[in-house]
Amino acid sequence: MSWKKTQELITTYLFVLPAVLLFVVFSVFPFFKVFQLSVFDWDGIAPQMRFVGFANFRDAIFRDPSWWISLRNASVITLMTLLFQNTLALVLALIVDREIRGKNFYRVVFYLPPVLSGIVVGLVWNWIFDGSHGLLNYALAGVGLGHWTRAWLADPKTALLSVAVIHMWKGFGWGFVILLAGLQAIPRELNEAARVDGAGEWRIFSRITVPLMLPVFFLVSVLTILGTMQIFDIIISTTNGGPGYHTEVPITRILVAMVGSSRFGYACSLGILFGLILLAVSLVQMRLSKWSSRYS
């Protein structure tokens, strides 16, 4: 290799080096550090760490009901999001996919909520759901439904549902964009040929659109599951996990274990368990995606 080529190679690596160092320091090193800390009892301050083996994992699985409550809450929000958020996104995508006036305007408007800060969205909806001066209670009282008014985010019966509504409002836009892209990838000739043969809109949707959109449906579903299970900013800015544990989710539970209880090792073990759950979901999605590609 000539000296000139060697210089070019060295220069290339020097340009890449800062990004590699940042990735190693802030991603690779913490990743392996979590596994190390998960087998120790450490408060995050003391210079000594006490080795406890898999005791942290045992406590999380068998002795911490609040951890399972957080997983249940996240699963409930995820299920509602899968059913209602993605259905709304699909309906809006089907409407905008047609030749309607202002379709570009609707694309921008529907995608605005996902790009907003989760903290800002949570604070705005906190005001809407406020029990004393909330916009929702004001509207209910205005139409004669004052007996329905309540502190939506402070009531154990409605807190989780209210958080789910906020999350769905913020998240439907990205599902809308992905589904709209999938719809626009379907050749128009297929729909036109079906209409010529006398097929109605429902038959076109069920026999052409759905089979061709299966990979997109699975993609949106897995992104919905992974994103919703990791919900954090909206919880922090609205209920902070309360009232009680009614809106506690895995990320806030990990935060409480680490900062609130000063159990850094235990928090790391919770993070590993949660990561394994998300990994399992991803693997199932990959298998389903391969299966769906055979029929699309």
Protein backbone atom coordinates (compact mmCIF):
# COMPACT_ATOMS: atom_id res chain seq x y z
CA MET A 1 0.00 0.00 0.00
CA SER A 2 1.36 3.37 -0.97
CA TRP A 3 2.01 6.11 1.57
CA LYS A 4 -0.73 8.28 0.03
CA LYS A 5 -3.35 5.57 0.44
CA THR A 6 -2.16 4.96 3.99
CA GLN A 7 -2.60 8.65 4.78
CA GLU A 8 -6.11 8.60 3.32
CA LEU A 9 -6.99 5.53 5.40
CA ILE A 10 -5.62 7.14 8.57
CA THR A 11 -7.54 10.33 7.83
CA THR A 12 -10.75 8.36 7.32
CA TYR A 13 -10.37 6.57 10.64
CA LEU A 14 -9.57 9.83 12.42
CA PHE A 15 -12.84 11.30 11.17
CA VAL A 16 -14.77 8.25 12.37
CA LEU A 17 -12.92 7.98 15.69
CA PRO A 18 -14.92 10.66 17.64
CA ALA A 19 -18.23 9.01 16.78
CA VAL A 20 -16.87 5.56 17.71
CA LEU A 21 -15.54 6.86 21.04
CA LEU A 22 -18.89 8.48 21.87
CA PHE A 23 -20.70 5.25 21.01
CA VAL A 24 -18.35 3.16 23.15
CA VAL A 25 -18.43 5.52 26.14
CA PHE A 26 -22.16 6.24 26.20
CA SER A 27 -23.61 3.00 24.75
CA VAL A 28 -21.29 -0.02 24.84
CA PHE A 29 -19.72 0.61 28.25
CA PRO A 30 -23.04 1.32 30.06
CA PHE A 31 -24.58 -1.74 28.38
CA PHE A 32 -22.01 -4.10 29.90
CA LYS A 33 -21.89 -2.13 33.17
CA VAL A 34 -25.59 -2.84 33.72
CA PHE A 35 -24.91 -6.60 33.65
CA GLN A 36 -22.08 -6.17 36.13
CA LEU A 37 -24.09 -4.07 38.59
CA SER A 38 -27.11 -6.38 38.40
CA VAL A 39 -25.35 -8.99 40.56
CA PHE A 40 -24.31 -6.51 43.26
CA ASP A 41 -26.06 -4.69 46.08
CA TRP A 42 -24.96 -1.07 45.69
CA ASP A 43 -26.46 2.26 46.68
CA GLY A 44 -24.68 4.24 43.97
CA ILE A 45 -22.43 6.09 46.45
CA ALA A 46 -20.47 3.66 48.62
CA PRO A 47 -17.07 2.64 47.20
CA GLN A 48 -17.74 -1.01 48.04
CA MET A 49 -20.32 -3.21 46.32
CA ARG A 50 -21.64 -6.40 47.92
CA PHE A 51 -21.94 -9.37 45.59
CA VAL A 52 -25.40 -10.98 45.79
CA GLY A 53 -25.45 -13.12 42.65
CA PHE A 54 -28.93 -13.55 41.20
CA ALA A 55 -30.70 -12.35 44.35
CA ASN A 56 -31.78 -9.13 42.62
CA PHE A 57 -33.45 -11.11 39.84
CA ARG A 58 -35.10 -13.42 42.40
CA ASP A 59 -36.48 -10.43 44.31
CA ALA A 60 -37.81 -8.85 41.12
CA ILE A 61 -39.60 -11.99 39.97
CA PHE A 62 -40.89 -13.40 43.27
CA ARG A 63 -40.84 -10.62 45.88
CA ASP A 64 -41.73 -7.36 44.17
CA PRO A 65 -45.46 -7.15 43.34
CA SER A 66 -45.06 -3.51 42.26
CA TRP A 67 -42.85 -4.68 39.38
CA TRP A 68 -45.59 -6.96 38.10
CA ILE A 69 -48.15 -4.18 38.58
CA SER A 70 -46.02 -1.91 36.40
CA LEU A 71 -45.82 -4.58 33.69
CA ARG A 72 -49.58 -5.08 33.87
CA ASN A 73 -50.22 -1.34 33.55
CA ALA A 74 -47.89 -1.06 30.56
CA SER A 75 -49.56 -4.09 28.97
CA VAL A 76 -53.03 -2.56 29.40
CA ILE A 77 -51.90 0.71 27.79
CA THR A 78 -50.23 -1.26 25.01
CA LEU A 79 -53.36 -3.29 24.31
CA MET A 80 -55.51 -0.16 24.13
CA THR A 81 -52.96 1.49 21.89
CA LEU A 82 -52.86 -1.49 19.53
CA LEU A 83 -56.64 -1.57 19.25
CA PHE A 84 -57.61 2.09 19.16
CA GLN A 85 -54.55 4.11 18.15
CA ASN A 86 -53.64 1.91 15.19
CA THR A 87 -57.28 1.62 14.10
CA LEU A 88 -57.57 5.41 14.07
CA ALA A 89 -54.26 5.69 12.19
CA LEU A 90 -55.45 3.18 9.58
CA VAL A 91 -58.80 4.91 9.08
CA LEU A 92 -57.13 8.30 8.64
CA ALA A 93 -54.54 6.80 6.27
CA LEU A 94 -57.29 5.26 4.14
CA ILE A 95 -59.08 8.62 3.96
CA VAL A 96 -55.99 10.65 3.10
CA ASP A 97 -54.92 8.04 0.54
CA ARG A 98 -57.94 9.01 -1.54
CA GLU A 99 -58.03 12.00 -3.83
CA ILE A 100 -59.37 14.58 -1.40
CA ARG A 101 -58.80 18.30 -1.12
CA GLY A 102 -56.09 19.39 1.32
CA LYS A 103 -54.54 15.91 1.71
CA ASN A 104 -51.07 17.41 2.18
CA PHE A 105 -52.44 19.65 4.93
CA TYR A 106 -53.89 16.63 6.76
CA ARG A 107 -50.58 14.79 6.49
CA VAL A 108 -48.82 17.62 8.30
CA VAL A 109 -51.54 18.07 10.94
CA PHE A 110 -51.78 14.37 11.78
CA TYR A 111 -48.01 14.09 12.16
CA LEU A 112 -47.68 17.09 14.49
CA PRO A 113 -48.45 15.30 17.81
CA PRO A 114 -45.57 12.77 17.53
CA VAL A 115 -42.97 15.51 17.02
CA LEU A 116 -44.09 17.45 20.09
CA SER A 117 -42.24 17.03 23.36
CA GLY A 118 -43.78 14.37 25.56
CA ILE A 119 -43.33 16.57 28.62
CA VAL A 120 -45.14 19.48 26.94
CA VAL A 121 -47.95 17.18 25.79
CA GLY A 122 -48.29 15.77 29.29
CA LEU A 123 -48.48 19.23 30.86
CA VAL A 124 -51.15 20.37 28.39
CA TRP A 125 -53.27 17.28 28.96
CA ASN A 126 -52.71 17.65 32.70
CA TRP A 127 -54.56 20.93 32.42
CA ILE A 128 -57.30 19.36 30.26
CA PHE A 129 -57.87 16.56 32.79
CA ASP A 130 -57.51 18.80 35.85
CA GLY A 131 -60.18 18.12 38.46
CA SER A 132 -60.77 21.75 39.44
CA HIS A 133 -60.30 23.85 36.31
CA GLY A 134 -59.86 21.25 33.58
CA LEU A 135 -61.19 21.83 30.11
CA LEU A 136 -62.81 18.37 29.97
CA ASN A 137 -64.78 18.90 33.19
CA TYR A 138 -65.80 22.36 31.97
CA ALA A 139 -67.09 20.88 28.70
CA LEU A 140 -68.96 18.10 30.50
CA ALA A 141 -70.62 20.56 32.84
CA GLY A 142 -71.54 22.75 29.87
CA VAL A 143 -73.52 19.94 28.20
CA GLY A 144 -75.29 18.85 31.37
CA LEU A 145 -72.97 15.99 32.33
CA GLY A 146 -71.56 17.59 35.45
CA HIS A 147 -72.01 14.35 37.41
CA TRP A 148 -69.26 12.85 35.24
CA THR A 149 -66.66 15.41 36.25
CA ARG A 150 -63.74 14.21 38.32
CA ALA A 151 -59.98 14.51 38.77
CA TRP A 152 -59.25 12.21 35.85
CA LEU A 153 -55.54 11.73 36.52
CA ALA A 154 -55.94 11.47 40.30
CA ASP A 155 -58.85 9.01 40.34
CA PRO A 156 -57.64 5.37 40.51
CA LYS A 157 -60.60 4.35 38.32
CA THR A 158 -59.69 6.66 35.42
CA ALA A 159 -55.97 7.47 35.80
CA LEU A 160 -54.66 4.62 33.63
CA LEU A 161 -57.29 5.21 30.93
CA SER A 162 -56.49 8.93 30.91
CA VAL A 163 -52.77 8.27 30.48
CA ALA A 164 -53.55 5.84 27.66
CA VAL A 165 -55.66 8.49 25.89
CA ILE A 166 -52.79 10.99 26.11
CA HIS A 167 -50.33 8.44 24.76
CA MET A 168 -52.63 7.47 21.89
CA TRP A 169 -53.24 11.09 20.94
CA LYS A 170 -49.50 11.72 20.80
CA GLY A 171 -48.61 8.52 18.98
CA PHE A 172 -51.23 7.94 16.30
CA GLY A 173 -49.44 10.24 13.84
CA TRP A 174 -46.39 8.09 13.20
CA GLY A 175 -48.58 5.02 12.65
CA PHE A 176 -50.61 7.12 10.22
CA VAL A 177 -47.48 8.05 8.24
CA ILE A 178 -46.20 4.46 8.02
CA LEU A 179 -49.59 3.05 7.04
CA LEU A 180 -50.11 5.80 4.46
CA ALA A 181 -46.73 4.99 2.92
CA GLY A 182 -47.75 1.32 2.74
CA LEU A 183 -51.06 2.18 1.09
CA GLN A 184 -49.36 4.37 -1.51
CA ALA A 185 -46.98 1.51 -2.35
CA ILE A 186 -49.91 -0.64 -3.53
CA PRO A 187 -50.22 -0.36 -7.33
CA ARG A 188 -53.34 1.63 -8.24
CA GLU A 189 -53.92 -0.71 -11.17
CA LEU A 190 -54.90 -3.51 -8.80
CA ASN A 191 -57.73 -1.48 -7.25
CA GLU A 192 -58.87 -0.16 -10.61
CA ALA A 193 -58.94 -3.66 -12.10
CA ALA A 194 -60.96 -4.91 -9.12
CA ARG A 195 -63.50 -2.11 -9.55
CA VAL A 196 -63.83 -2.93 -13.25
CA ASP A 197 -64.62 -6.52 -12.24
CA GLY A 198 -67.39 -5.24 -9.98
CA ALA A 199 -65.65 -5.46 -6.59
CA GLY A 200 -66.91 -3.11 -3.88
CA GLU A 201 -64.76 -1.06 -1.50
CA TRP A 202 -64.93 -3.61 1.29
CA ARG A 203 -63.94 -6.46 -1.01
CA ILE A 204 -61.01 -4.43 -2.36
CA PHE A 205 -59.92 -3.65 1.19
CA SER A 206 -60.19 -7.22 2.48
CA ARG A 207 -58.85 -9.05 -0.59
CA ILE A 208 -56.20 -6.60 -1.88
CA THR A 209 -55.28 -3.98 0.71
CA VAL A 210 -55.06 -6.17 3.82
CA PRO A 211 -52.94 -9.00 2.30
CA LEU A 212 -50.50 -6.53 0.74
CA MET A 213 -50.35 -4.48 3.95
CA LEU A 214 -49.66 -7.37 6.33
CA PRO A 215 -45.91 -6.63 6.65
CA VAL A 216 -46.72 -2.99 7.34
CA PHE A 217 -49.33 -3.96 9.93
CA PHE A 218 -46.79 -6.13 11.73
CA LEU A 219 -44.18 -3.35 11.61
CA VAL A 220 -46.58 -0.80 13.08
CA SER A 221 -47.71 -3.30 15.72
CA VAL A 222 -44.23 -4.12 16.96
CA LEU A 223 -43.21 -0.46 17.01
CA THR A 224 -46.38 0.28 18.95
CA ILE A 225 -45.64 -2.45 21.49
CA LEU A 226 -42.00 -1.49 21.96
CA GLY A 227 -42.77 2.22 22.14
CA THR A 228 -45.72 1.91 24.52
CA MET A 229 -44.02 -0.53 26.86
CA GLN A 230 -41.26 2.07 27.27
CA ILE A 231 -43.66 4.94 27.96
CA PHE A 232 -42.05 7.36 30.42
CA ASP A 233 -42.22 11.10 29.72
CA ILE A 234 -46.02 11.28 29.68
CA ILE A 235 -46.21 9.36 32.98
CA ILE A 236 -43.65 11.62 34.63
CA SER A 237 -45.36 14.82 33.47
CA THR A 238 -48.89 13.74 34.45
CA THR A 239 -49.20 11.22 37.30
CA ASN A 240 -45.60 10.27 38.19
CA GLY A 241 -46.87 6.71 38.58
CA GLY A 242 -49.73 7.56 40.91
CA PRO A 243 -52.21 7.48 42.41
CA GLY A 244 -50.59 4.65 44.32
CA TYR A 245 -49.25 2.28 41.68
CA HIS A 246 -52.18 2.69 39.30
CA THR A 247 -50.09 4.24 36.49
CA GLU A 248 -46.69 2.84 37.42
CA VAL A 249 -44.87 1.44 34.36
CA PRO A 250 -41.58 -0.48 34.08
CA ILE A 251 -39.40 2.55 33.33
CA THR A 252 -40.75 4.56 36.25
CA ARG A 253 -40.43 1.50 38.49
CA ILE A 254 -36.76 1.17 37.51
CA LEU A 255 -36.26 4.88 38.21
CA VAL A 256 -37.86 4.57 41.64
CA ALA A 257 -35.68 1.57 42.49
CA MET A 258 -32.53 3.41 41.42
CA VAL A 259 -33.12 6.97 42.66
CA GLY A 260 -35.89 6.62 45.23
CA SER A 261 -34.58 3.49 46.96
CA SER A 262 -30.88 3.83 46.05
CA ARG A 263 -30.81 0.21 44.84
CA PHE A 264 -28.72 0.58 41.72
CA GLY A 265 -28.00 -3.13 41.36
CA TYR A 266 -31.65 -4.03 41.72
CA ALA A 267 -32.62 -1.35 39.18
CA CYS A 268 -30.12 -2.82 36.72
CA SER A 269 -31.64 -6.28 37.17
CA LEU A 270 -35.09 -4.84 36.45
CA GLY A 271 -33.69 -3.19 33.33
CA ILE A 272 -32.26 -6.51 32.12
CA LEU A 273 -35.55 -8.34 32.71
CA PHE A 274 -37.42 -5.61 30.88
CA GLY A 275 -34.94 -5.73 28.02
CA LEU A 276 -35.42 -9.49 27.71
CA ILE A 277 -39.19 -8.99 27.48
CA LEU A 278 -38.77 -6.44 24.68
CA LEU A 279 -36.29 -8.74 22.94
CA ALA A 280 -38.80 -11.59 23.05
CA VAL A 281 -41.45 -9.34 21.52
CA SER A 282 -39.05 -8.37 18.74
CA LEU A 283 -38.19 -12.00 17.99
CA VAL A 284 -41.87 -12.94 17.80
CA GLN A 285 -42.46 -10.02 15.44
CA MET A 286 -39.60 -11.11 13.19
CA ARG A 287 -41.08 -14.61 12.96
CA LEU A 288 -44.56 -13.24 12.22
CA SER A 289 -43.13 -10.82 9.67
CA LYS A 290 -41.45 -13.68 7.80
CA TRP A 291 -44.72 -15.61 7.89
CA SER A 292 -46.73 -12.66 6.58
CA SER A 293 -44.28 -12.01 3.74
CA ARG A 294 -45.22 -15.37 2.25
CA TYR A 295 -48.80 -14.20 1.77
CA SER A 296 -48.16 -10.63 0.64
